[in-house]
N, C-alpha and C. Protein backbone atom coordinates (compact mmCIF):
# COMPACT_ATOMS: atom_id res chain seq x y z
N UNK A 1 142.12 133.95 85.93
CA UNK A 1 142.52 135.33 86.12
C UNK A 1 141.39 136.07 86.82
N UNK A 2 141.70 136.75 87.90
CA UNK A 2 140.71 137.49 88.66
C UNK A 2 140.84 138.97 88.34
N UNK A 3 139.71 139.59 88.00
CA UNK A 3 139.69 141.02 87.72
C UNK A 3 138.79 141.68 88.75
N UNK A 4 139.31 142.69 89.43
CA UNK A 4 138.49 143.39 90.40
C UNK A 4 137.88 144.64 89.76
N UNK A 5 136.75 145.04 90.28
CA UNK A 5 136.06 146.22 89.76
C UNK A 5 136.65 147.47 90.39
N UNK A 6 136.68 148.57 89.62
CA UNK A 6 137.17 149.82 90.18
C UNK A 6 136.06 150.51 90.96
N UNK A 7 136.38 151.60 91.62
CA UNK A 7 135.41 152.27 92.49
C UNK A 7 134.18 152.78 91.73
N UNK A 8 134.35 153.25 90.51
CA UNK A 8 133.22 153.74 89.72
C UNK A 8 132.28 152.58 89.35
N UNK A 9 132.86 151.45 88.97
CA UNK A 9 132.05 150.28 88.61
C UNK A 9 131.25 149.78 89.82
N UNK A 10 131.89 149.73 90.98
CA UNK A 10 131.19 149.28 92.18
C UNK A 10 130.05 150.23 92.55
N UNK A 11 130.30 151.52 92.43
CA UNK A 11 129.26 152.50 92.77
C UNK A 11 128.07 152.38 91.82
N UNK A 12 128.35 152.18 90.54
CA UNK A 12 127.26 152.02 89.57
C UNK A 12 126.46 150.75 89.83
N UNK A 13 127.13 149.68 90.22
CA UNK A 13 126.41 148.44 90.54
C UNK A 13 125.48 148.64 91.73
N UNK A 14 125.97 149.34 92.76
CA UNK A 14 125.12 149.59 93.92
C UNK A 14 123.95 150.50 93.56
N UNK A 15 124.23 151.52 92.78
CA UNK A 15 123.21 152.51 92.43
C UNK A 15 122.10 151.92 91.57
N UNK A 16 122.46 151.00 90.69
CA UNK A 16 121.49 150.45 89.74
C UNK A 16 121.28 148.96 89.96
N UNK A 17 121.13 148.57 91.21
CA UNK A 17 120.88 147.16 91.52
C UNK A 17 119.53 146.70 90.98
N UNK A 18 118.57 147.62 90.88
CA UNK A 18 117.24 147.28 90.34
C UNK A 18 117.27 147.42 88.81
N UNK A 19 116.42 146.64 88.16
CA UNK A 19 116.34 146.70 86.70
C UNK A 19 115.84 148.06 86.24
N UNK A 20 116.32 148.49 85.07
CA UNK A 20 115.88 149.73 84.45
C UNK A 20 115.08 149.39 83.20
N UNK A 21 114.16 150.27 82.87
CA UNK A 21 113.43 150.09 81.60
C UNK A 21 114.38 150.43 80.46
N UNK A 22 114.00 150.09 79.25
CA UNK A 22 114.84 150.40 78.09
C UNK A 22 115.06 151.91 77.97
N UNK A 23 114.02 152.70 78.22
CA UNK A 23 114.13 154.17 78.14
C UNK A 23 115.08 154.69 79.22
N UNK A 24 114.97 154.16 80.43
CA UNK A 24 115.86 154.58 81.51
C UNK A 24 117.30 154.19 81.22
N UNK A 25 117.49 153.01 80.66
CA UNK A 25 118.83 152.55 80.31
C UNK A 25 119.45 153.45 79.25
N UNK A 26 118.66 153.85 78.28
CA UNK A 26 119.15 154.76 77.23
C UNK A 26 119.50 156.12 77.83
N UNK A 27 118.68 156.61 78.75
CA UNK A 27 118.99 157.88 79.44
C UNK A 27 120.30 157.77 80.20
N UNK A 28 120.50 156.66 80.89
CA UNK A 28 121.72 156.44 81.65
C UNK A 28 122.93 156.43 80.73
N UNK A 29 122.82 155.75 79.62
CA UNK A 29 123.94 155.72 78.65
C UNK A 29 124.30 157.13 78.20
N UNK A 30 123.28 157.92 77.91
CA UNK A 30 123.54 159.29 77.45
C UNK A 30 124.21 160.13 78.53
N UNK A 31 123.78 159.96 79.77
CA UNK A 31 124.39 160.70 80.88
C UNK A 31 125.86 160.30 81.03
N UNK A 32 126.13 159.01 80.97
CA UNK A 32 127.51 158.53 81.13
C UNK A 32 128.40 158.98 79.97
N UNK A 33 127.86 158.94 78.76
CA UNK A 33 128.63 159.40 77.60
C UNK A 33 128.91 160.89 77.71
N UNK A 34 127.92 161.67 78.14
CA UNK A 34 128.11 163.11 78.32
C UNK A 34 129.16 163.39 79.39
N UNK A 35 129.11 162.64 80.49
CA UNK A 35 130.11 162.79 81.55
C UNK A 35 131.51 162.54 81.01
N UNK A 36 131.66 161.44 80.27
CA UNK A 36 132.98 161.08 79.70
C UNK A 36 133.46 162.14 78.72
N UNK A 37 132.54 162.64 77.89
CA UNK A 37 132.89 163.68 76.91
C UNK A 37 133.40 164.94 77.63
N UNK A 38 132.68 165.36 78.68
CA UNK A 38 133.10 166.57 79.40
C UNK A 38 134.47 166.38 80.04
N UNK A 39 134.74 165.20 80.59
CA UNK A 39 136.06 164.93 81.20
C UNK A 39 137.16 164.98 80.13
N UNK A 40 136.92 164.38 78.99
CA UNK A 40 137.91 164.41 77.91
C UNK A 40 138.12 165.83 77.39
N UNK A 41 137.03 166.58 77.27
CA UNK A 41 137.14 167.96 76.79
C UNK A 41 137.95 168.81 77.76
N UNK A 42 137.76 168.60 79.06
CA UNK A 42 138.54 169.33 80.06
C UNK A 42 140.03 169.00 79.94
N UNK A 43 140.35 167.73 79.71
CA UNK A 43 141.75 167.32 79.56
C UNK A 43 142.37 167.97 78.32
N UNK A 44 141.62 168.02 77.24
CA UNK A 44 142.12 168.66 76.01
C UNK A 44 142.30 170.15 76.23
N UNK A 45 141.33 170.78 76.91
CA UNK A 45 141.44 172.22 77.17
C UNK A 45 142.67 172.53 78.01
N UNK A 46 143.01 171.67 78.96
CA UNK A 46 144.20 171.89 79.79
C UNK A 46 145.48 171.77 78.97
N UNK A 47 145.46 170.88 77.96
CA UNK A 47 146.64 170.75 77.09
C UNK A 47 146.81 171.98 76.21
N UNK A 48 145.69 172.58 75.83
CA UNK A 48 145.67 173.75 74.96
C UNK A 48 146.53 173.52 73.70
N UNK A 49 146.24 172.46 72.94
CA UNK A 49 147.06 172.16 71.76
C UNK A 49 146.76 173.13 70.61
N UNK A 50 147.78 173.37 69.81
CA UNK A 50 147.59 174.18 68.61
C UNK A 50 146.99 173.31 67.52
N UNK A 51 146.50 173.94 66.47
CA UNK A 51 145.94 173.18 65.35
C UNK A 51 147.02 172.29 64.74
N UNK A 52 148.24 172.77 64.72
CA UNK A 52 149.36 171.98 64.19
C UNK A 52 149.60 170.73 65.04
N UNK A 53 149.52 170.88 66.37
CA UNK A 53 149.68 169.73 67.27
C UNK A 53 148.62 168.68 66.99
N UNK A 54 147.38 169.12 66.86
CA UNK A 54 146.27 168.20 66.61
C UNK A 54 146.46 167.46 65.30
N UNK A 55 146.90 168.16 64.27
CA UNK A 55 147.14 167.52 62.97
C UNK A 55 148.28 166.52 63.05
N UNK A 56 149.33 166.83 63.81
CA UNK A 56 150.45 165.89 63.97
C UNK A 56 149.99 164.64 64.72
N UNK A 57 149.15 164.80 65.75
CA UNK A 57 148.63 163.65 66.48
C UNK A 57 147.82 162.74 65.57
N UNK A 58 147.06 163.37 64.66
CA UNK A 58 146.23 162.59 63.74
C UNK A 58 147.06 161.78 62.76
N UNK A 59 148.26 162.22 62.47
CA UNK A 59 149.12 161.53 61.51
C UNK A 59 150.15 160.62 62.19
N UNK A 60 150.20 160.67 63.51
CA UNK A 60 151.21 159.93 64.25
C UNK A 60 150.90 158.45 64.35
N UNK A 61 151.95 157.67 64.51
CA UNK A 61 151.85 156.22 64.71
C UNK A 61 152.67 155.89 65.94
N UNK A 62 152.10 156.17 67.11
CA UNK A 62 152.82 156.03 68.37
C UNK A 62 152.56 154.69 69.05
N UNK A 63 152.37 153.68 68.29
CA UNK A 63 152.12 152.36 68.86
C UNK A 63 153.43 151.74 69.34
N UNK A 64 153.33 150.93 70.35
CA UNK A 64 154.49 150.24 70.88
C UNK A 64 154.86 149.11 69.92
N UNK A 65 156.09 149.11 69.44
CA UNK A 65 156.48 148.01 68.53
C UNK A 65 156.63 146.71 69.30
N UNK A 66 156.00 145.68 68.78
CA UNK A 66 156.09 144.35 69.39
C UNK A 66 156.74 143.40 68.41
N UNK A 67 157.49 142.45 68.96
CA UNK A 67 158.05 141.39 68.13
C UNK A 67 156.93 140.48 67.72
N UNK A 68 156.91 140.07 66.48
CA UNK A 68 155.85 139.17 66.03
C UNK A 68 156.05 137.79 66.64
N UNK A 69 154.96 137.04 66.73
CA UNK A 69 155.02 135.67 67.25
C UNK A 69 155.94 134.82 66.38
N UNK A 70 155.88 135.02 65.07
CA UNK A 70 156.70 134.23 64.16
C UNK A 70 158.19 134.46 64.42
N UNK A 71 158.57 135.72 64.63
CA UNK A 71 159.98 136.03 64.85
C UNK A 71 160.49 135.39 66.15
N UNK A 72 159.64 135.40 67.19
CA UNK A 72 160.08 134.83 68.45
C UNK A 72 160.14 133.29 68.37
N UNK A 73 159.26 132.68 67.59
CA UNK A 73 159.29 131.22 67.41
C UNK A 73 160.52 130.80 66.63
N UNK A 74 160.95 131.60 65.66
CA UNK A 74 162.10 131.24 64.84
C UNK A 74 163.39 131.37 65.65
N UNK A 75 163.43 132.33 66.56
CA UNK A 75 164.67 132.52 67.33
C UNK A 75 164.84 131.42 68.38
N UNK A 76 163.71 130.76 68.77
CA UNK A 76 163.79 129.70 69.76
C UNK A 76 164.36 128.41 69.19
N UNK A 77 164.30 128.22 67.87
CA UNK A 77 164.76 126.95 67.29
C UNK A 77 166.24 126.93 67.05
C-alpha cells in the first residue's frame, strides 16, 4: 500500500531537513500544537454552539455501526 504525503507534510520535511536539537524539537511541537488549537478554536467559534449543544455532543454515540467479523463469518457458511 502506497501512502502519499499531503502538502503540509511535504513542506515540513523540506523546512526541517536538518536535524534539530531536543529543545528546538520541543519548541516546534509547541508551535504546531498551538497552530492546531487555534484552527480548531476558529472552527468551534464559527459553529457558535450553545452549552446544550456541547453537552449533547459529549453524550452522543455517533459512531458508524459495523457488522462484527463473527457475524459476517457465520453468514458465509
